[in-house]
Structures are given as structure tokens and as C-alpha cells.
Amino acid sequence: MQLPADATLQKVAELAAALPAALQGGSGEFTVDASGLTDYDTATIALLMQARRAAQTAGRGFSVTGAPAQLQQLAALYGVEELLALKPA
């Protein structure tokens, strides 16, 4: 799943609604590509946690690739950096 440049509070509901379709029919690790993110906030962290839970429910692994350094810092602030398996850009 590729995140758009803007994954802030105003966009997260739309992105969350796309999660079931993104997970459907796949197998193996579910990867979220965050390399295009330029605008993000705590709602982005919540979206990633929701994606992780959905992947686990589907019996799949989860990771985030291309995570901007500031997104990694935000995840660390909330203590979820290991849960989100953030991989730097």
C-alpha cells in the first residue's frame, strides 16, 4: 500500500477505508510504503497501527518502508516504533 504525500487527520479516514481492499487477496508480509509522505501527524501513526492490526487479523506480517526520519521519531515518542517495523527511507 502506497501512502500519499498527505496522510494527516483530514485524509486518514479515506486511507483507513482503503485498507480492507489493500489487504484482500494478498499473502505474506503487508508492506506500507511511506516514502512519499510529506505531511503527517499523530493520525498517521494511528492509521499505521490500524493497518498492522488488520494485517495480523489477516494472518500476515507487517512493515513500513521508506519511513521519513520525523515519522520514525513520532513513532518512538509514542513507543510504537518496534510494533510498526519502520524501515528508513
N, C-alpha and C. Protein backbone atom coordinates (compact mmCIF):
# COMPACT_ATOMS: atom_id res chain seq x y z
N MET A 1 0.86 -1.17 0.00
CA MET A 1 0.00 0.00 0.00
C MET A 1 0.90 1.23 0.00
N GLN A 2 0.69 2.10 -0.93
CA GLN A 2 1.47 3.33 -1.05
C GLN A 2 0.71 4.47 -0.37
N LEU A 3 1.35 5.12 0.60
CA LEU A 3 0.71 6.27 1.23
C LEU A 3 0.92 7.50 0.36
N PRO A 4 -0.07 8.37 0.29
CA PRO A 4 0.09 9.61 -0.48
C PRO A 4 0.96 10.60 0.29
N ALA A 5 1.22 11.74 -0.32
CA ALA A 5 2.03 12.76 0.33
C ALA A 5 1.38 13.24 1.62
N ASP A 6 0.07 13.35 1.63
CA ASP A 6 -0.67 13.85 2.79
C ASP A 6 -1.42 12.72 3.47
N ALA A 7 -1.00 12.39 4.67
CA ALA A 7 -1.69 11.37 5.47
C ALA A 7 -2.01 11.94 6.84
N THR A 8 -2.54 13.15 6.84
CA THR A 8 -2.90 13.83 8.08
C THR A 8 -4.33 13.48 8.48
N LEU A 9 -4.76 14.04 9.58
CA LEU A 9 -6.08 13.77 10.14
C LEU A 9 -7.20 13.90 9.10
N GLN A 10 -7.09 14.88 8.22
CA GLN A 10 -8.14 15.10 7.22
C GLN A 10 -8.22 13.97 6.19
N LYS A 11 -7.15 13.21 6.00
CA LYS A 11 -7.11 12.17 4.97
C LYS A 11 -7.17 10.75 5.51
N VAL A 12 -6.94 10.58 6.81
CA VAL A 12 -6.79 9.25 7.38
C VAL A 12 -8.04 8.39 7.24
N ALA A 13 -9.21 8.94 7.38
CA ALA A 13 -10.44 8.15 7.27
C ALA A 13 -10.54 7.52 5.88
N GLU A 14 -10.21 8.28 4.87
CA GLU A 14 -10.23 7.78 3.49
C GLU A 14 -9.19 6.66 3.31
N LEU A 15 -8.01 6.85 3.86
CA LEU A 15 -6.95 5.83 3.76
C LEU A 15 -7.33 4.57 4.54
N ALA A 16 -7.92 4.75 5.71
CA ALA A 16 -8.34 3.60 6.52
C ALA A 16 -9.42 2.79 5.79
N ALA A 17 -10.29 3.46 5.08
CA ALA A 17 -11.34 2.77 4.33
C ALA A 17 -10.76 1.93 3.20
N ALA A 18 -9.57 2.28 2.73
CA ALA A 18 -8.92 1.54 1.65
C ALA A 18 -8.14 0.32 2.16
N LEU A 19 -7.96 0.19 3.45
CA LEU A 19 -7.18 -0.92 4.00
C LEU A 19 -7.72 -2.31 3.64
N PRO A 20 -9.02 -2.58 3.82
CA PRO A 20 -9.50 -3.93 3.50
C PRO A 20 -9.21 -4.35 2.07
N ALA A 21 -9.39 -3.46 1.13
CA ALA A 21 -9.12 -3.79 -0.27
C ALA A 21 -7.63 -4.01 -0.50
N ALA A 22 -6.80 -3.23 0.17
CA ALA A 22 -5.35 -3.38 0.02
C ALA A 22 -4.87 -4.72 0.58
N LEU A 23 -5.53 -5.20 1.62
CA LEU A 23 -5.14 -6.47 2.24
C LEU A 23 -5.74 -7.69 1.53
N GLN A 24 -6.83 -7.49 0.84
CA GLN A 24 -7.57 -8.60 0.24
C GLN A 24 -6.76 -9.29 -0.86
N GLY A 25 -6.78 -10.60 -0.81
CA GLY A 25 -6.17 -11.38 -1.87
C GLY A 25 -4.66 -11.51 -1.79
N GLY A 26 -4.04 -10.84 -0.86
CA GLY A 26 -2.59 -10.92 -0.75
C GLY A 26 -2.17 -11.98 0.24
N SER A 27 -0.89 -12.26 0.24
CA SER A 27 -0.34 -13.17 1.22
C SER A 27 1.06 -12.67 1.58
N GLY A 28 1.61 -13.22 2.63
CA GLY A 28 2.92 -12.76 3.07
C GLY A 28 2.82 -11.43 3.78
N GLU A 29 3.94 -10.77 3.86
CA GLU A 29 4.00 -9.51 4.60
C GLU A 29 3.25 -8.40 3.87
N PHE A 30 2.46 -7.65 4.63
CA PHE A 30 1.76 -6.48 4.11
C PHE A 30 2.68 -5.29 4.35
N THR A 31 3.09 -4.64 3.28
CA THR A 31 4.04 -3.54 3.38
C THR A 31 3.36 -2.23 3.02
N VAL A 32 3.57 -1.24 3.87
CA VAL A 32 3.09 0.12 3.62
C VAL A 32 4.30 0.94 3.20
N ASP A 33 4.23 1.56 2.04
CA ASP A 33 5.31 2.40 1.53
C ASP A 33 5.05 3.84 1.93
N ALA A 34 5.88 4.35 2.82
CA ALA A 34 5.71 5.71 3.34
C ALA A 34 6.69 6.69 2.69
N SER A 35 7.35 6.28 1.64
CA SER A 35 8.41 7.11 1.05
C SER A 35 7.89 8.42 0.46
N GLY A 36 6.62 8.48 0.09
CA GLY A 36 6.07 9.70 -0.48
C GLY A 36 5.50 10.68 0.53
N LEU A 37 5.51 10.31 1.80
CA LEU A 37 4.91 11.17 2.83
C LEU A 37 5.67 12.49 2.98
N THR A 38 4.92 13.57 2.98
CA THR A 38 5.49 14.88 3.29
C THR A 38 4.71 15.54 4.43
N ASP A 39 3.42 15.24 4.54
CA ASP A 39 2.56 15.78 5.59
C ASP A 39 1.97 14.63 6.38
N TYR A 40 2.30 14.58 7.66
CA TYR A 40 1.79 13.51 8.52
C TYR A 40 1.73 14.03 9.95
N ASP A 41 0.97 13.32 10.76
CA ASP A 41 0.80 13.71 12.15
C ASP A 41 0.47 12.46 12.97
N THR A 42 -0.03 12.65 14.16
CA THR A 42 -0.33 11.50 15.02
C THR A 42 -1.41 10.61 14.41
N ALA A 43 -2.27 11.16 13.58
CA ALA A 43 -3.29 10.35 12.91
C ALA A 43 -2.64 9.34 11.97
N THR A 44 -1.49 9.69 11.42
CA THR A 44 -0.75 8.76 10.56
C THR A 44 -0.28 7.56 11.36
N ILE A 45 0.18 7.81 12.57
CA ILE A 45 0.61 6.72 13.45
C ILE A 45 -0.59 5.81 13.75
N ALA A 46 -1.74 6.41 14.02
CA ALA A 46 -2.95 5.63 14.28
C ALA A 46 -3.33 4.79 13.06
N LEU A 47 -3.21 5.36 11.87
CA LEU A 47 -3.50 4.63 10.64
C LEU A 47 -2.56 3.43 10.49
N LEU A 48 -1.29 3.64 10.75
CA LEU A 48 -0.33 2.55 10.63
C LEU A 48 -0.60 1.45 11.65
N MET A 49 -1.00 1.84 12.86
CA MET A 49 -1.36 0.84 13.86
C MET A 49 -2.60 0.05 13.42
N GLN A 50 -3.56 0.74 12.82
CA GLN A 50 -4.76 0.07 12.31
C GLN A 50 -4.38 -0.90 11.19
N ALA A 51 -3.48 -0.49 10.32
CA ALA A 51 -3.03 -1.36 9.23
C ALA A 51 -2.32 -2.58 9.78
N ARG A 52 -1.52 -2.39 10.82
CA ARG A 52 -0.82 -3.51 11.45
C ARG A 52 -1.82 -4.52 12.03
N ARG A 53 -2.82 -4.00 12.75
CA ARG A 53 -3.84 -4.89 13.33
C ARG A 53 -4.60 -5.64 12.23
N ALA A 54 -4.94 -4.95 11.16
CA ALA A 54 -5.67 -5.59 10.06
C ALA A 54 -4.81 -6.67 9.40
N ALA A 55 -3.52 -6.41 9.24
CA ALA A 55 -2.61 -7.40 8.66
C ALA A 55 -2.52 -8.62 9.56
N GLN A 56 -2.40 -8.39 10.86
CA GLN A 56 -2.33 -9.51 11.80
C GLN A 56 -3.61 -10.33 11.76
N THR A 57 -4.75 -9.67 11.71
CA THR A 57 -6.03 -10.36 11.65
C THR A 57 -6.12 -11.22 10.39
N ALA A 58 -5.50 -10.75 9.31
CA ALA A 58 -5.49 -11.49 8.05
C ALA A 58 -4.38 -12.55 8.02
N GLY A 59 -3.64 -12.67 9.13
CA GLY A 59 -2.58 -13.67 9.21
C GLY A 59 -1.32 -13.29 8.45
N ARG A 60 -1.11 -12.00 8.30
CA ARG A 60 0.04 -11.51 7.53
C ARG A 60 0.99 -10.72 8.42
N GLY A 61 2.24 -10.67 8.01
CA GLY A 61 3.21 -9.82 8.68
C GLY A 61 2.96 -8.38 8.27
N PHE A 62 3.73 -7.47 8.85
CA PHE A 62 3.52 -6.05 8.58
C PHE A 62 4.83 -5.30 8.68
N SER A 63 5.04 -4.35 7.78
CA SER A 63 6.18 -3.45 7.88
C SER A 63 5.87 -2.15 7.15
N VAL A 64 6.67 -1.14 7.46
CA VAL A 64 6.56 0.15 6.81
C VAL A 64 7.92 0.46 6.21
N THR A 65 7.97 0.70 4.91
CA THR A 65 9.22 1.05 4.25
C THR A 65 9.24 2.53 3.90
N GLY A 66 10.43 3.06 3.73
CA GLY A 66 10.58 4.45 3.31
C GLY A 66 10.09 5.45 4.33
N ALA A 67 10.14 5.09 5.60
CA ALA A 67 9.63 5.99 6.65
C ALA A 67 10.55 7.20 6.82
N PRO A 68 10.00 8.41 6.69
CA PRO A 68 10.80 9.61 6.94
C PRO A 68 11.31 9.62 8.39
N ALA A 69 12.44 10.23 8.60
CA ALA A 69 13.07 10.26 9.92
C ALA A 69 12.13 10.85 10.97
N GLN A 70 11.39 11.88 10.62
CA GLN A 70 10.49 12.50 11.59
C GLN A 70 9.31 11.60 11.93
N LEU A 71 8.87 10.77 10.99
CA LEU A 71 7.82 9.80 11.28
C LEU A 71 8.35 8.75 12.26
N GLN A 72 9.59 8.35 12.07
CA GLN A 72 10.22 7.40 12.99
C GLN A 72 10.31 8.00 14.40
N GLN A 73 10.67 9.28 14.46
CA GLN A 73 10.75 9.95 15.76
C GLN A 73 9.38 10.05 16.42
N LEU A 74 8.36 10.31 15.64
CA LEU A 74 6.99 10.39 16.17
C LEU A 74 6.56 9.03 16.71
N ALA A 75 6.87 7.97 15.98
CA ALA A 75 6.54 6.62 16.44
C ALA A 75 7.30 6.29 17.73
N ALA A 76 8.54 6.72 17.81
CA ALA A 76 9.34 6.49 19.03
C ALA A 76 8.74 7.25 20.20
N LEU A 77 8.27 8.46 19.96
CA LEU A 77 7.66 9.27 21.01
C LEU A 77 6.46 8.54 21.63
N TYR A 78 5.70 7.84 20.79
CA TYR A 78 4.53 7.09 21.26
C TYR A 78 4.86 5.65 21.63
N GLY A 79 6.13 5.25 21.49
CA GLY A 79 6.56 3.92 21.90
C GLY A 79 6.08 2.80 20.99
N VAL A 80 5.84 3.09 19.73
CA VAL A 80 5.32 2.06 18.81
C VAL A 80 6.27 1.78 17.64
N GLU A 81 7.50 2.30 17.70
CA GLU A 81 8.40 2.12 16.56
C GLU A 81 8.69 0.65 16.26
N GLU A 82 8.81 -0.18 17.28
CA GLU A 82 9.07 -1.60 17.05
C GLU A 82 7.82 -2.30 16.53
N LEU A 83 6.66 -1.93 17.02
CA LEU A 83 5.42 -2.53 16.54
C LEU A 83 5.18 -2.24 15.07
N LEU A 84 5.57 -1.06 14.63
CA LEU A 84 5.33 -0.66 13.26
C LEU A 84 6.43 -1.15 12.30
N ALA A 85 7.51 -1.68 12.83
CA ALA A 85 8.61 -2.20 11.99
C ALA A 85 9.01 -1.19 10.93
N LEU A 86 9.26 0.05 11.37
CA LEU A 86 9.61 1.13 10.45
C LEU A 86 11.00 0.92 9.86
N LYS A 87 11.08 1.02 8.55
CA LYS A 87 12.35 0.95 7.85
C LYS A 87 12.59 2.31 7.22
N PRO A 88 13.78 2.88 7.44
CA PRO A 88 14.03 4.24 6.97
C PRO A 88 14.00 4.38 5.46
N ALA A 89 13.84 5.63 5.06
CA ALA A 89 13.83 5.96 3.62
C ALA A 89 15.21 5.71 3.03
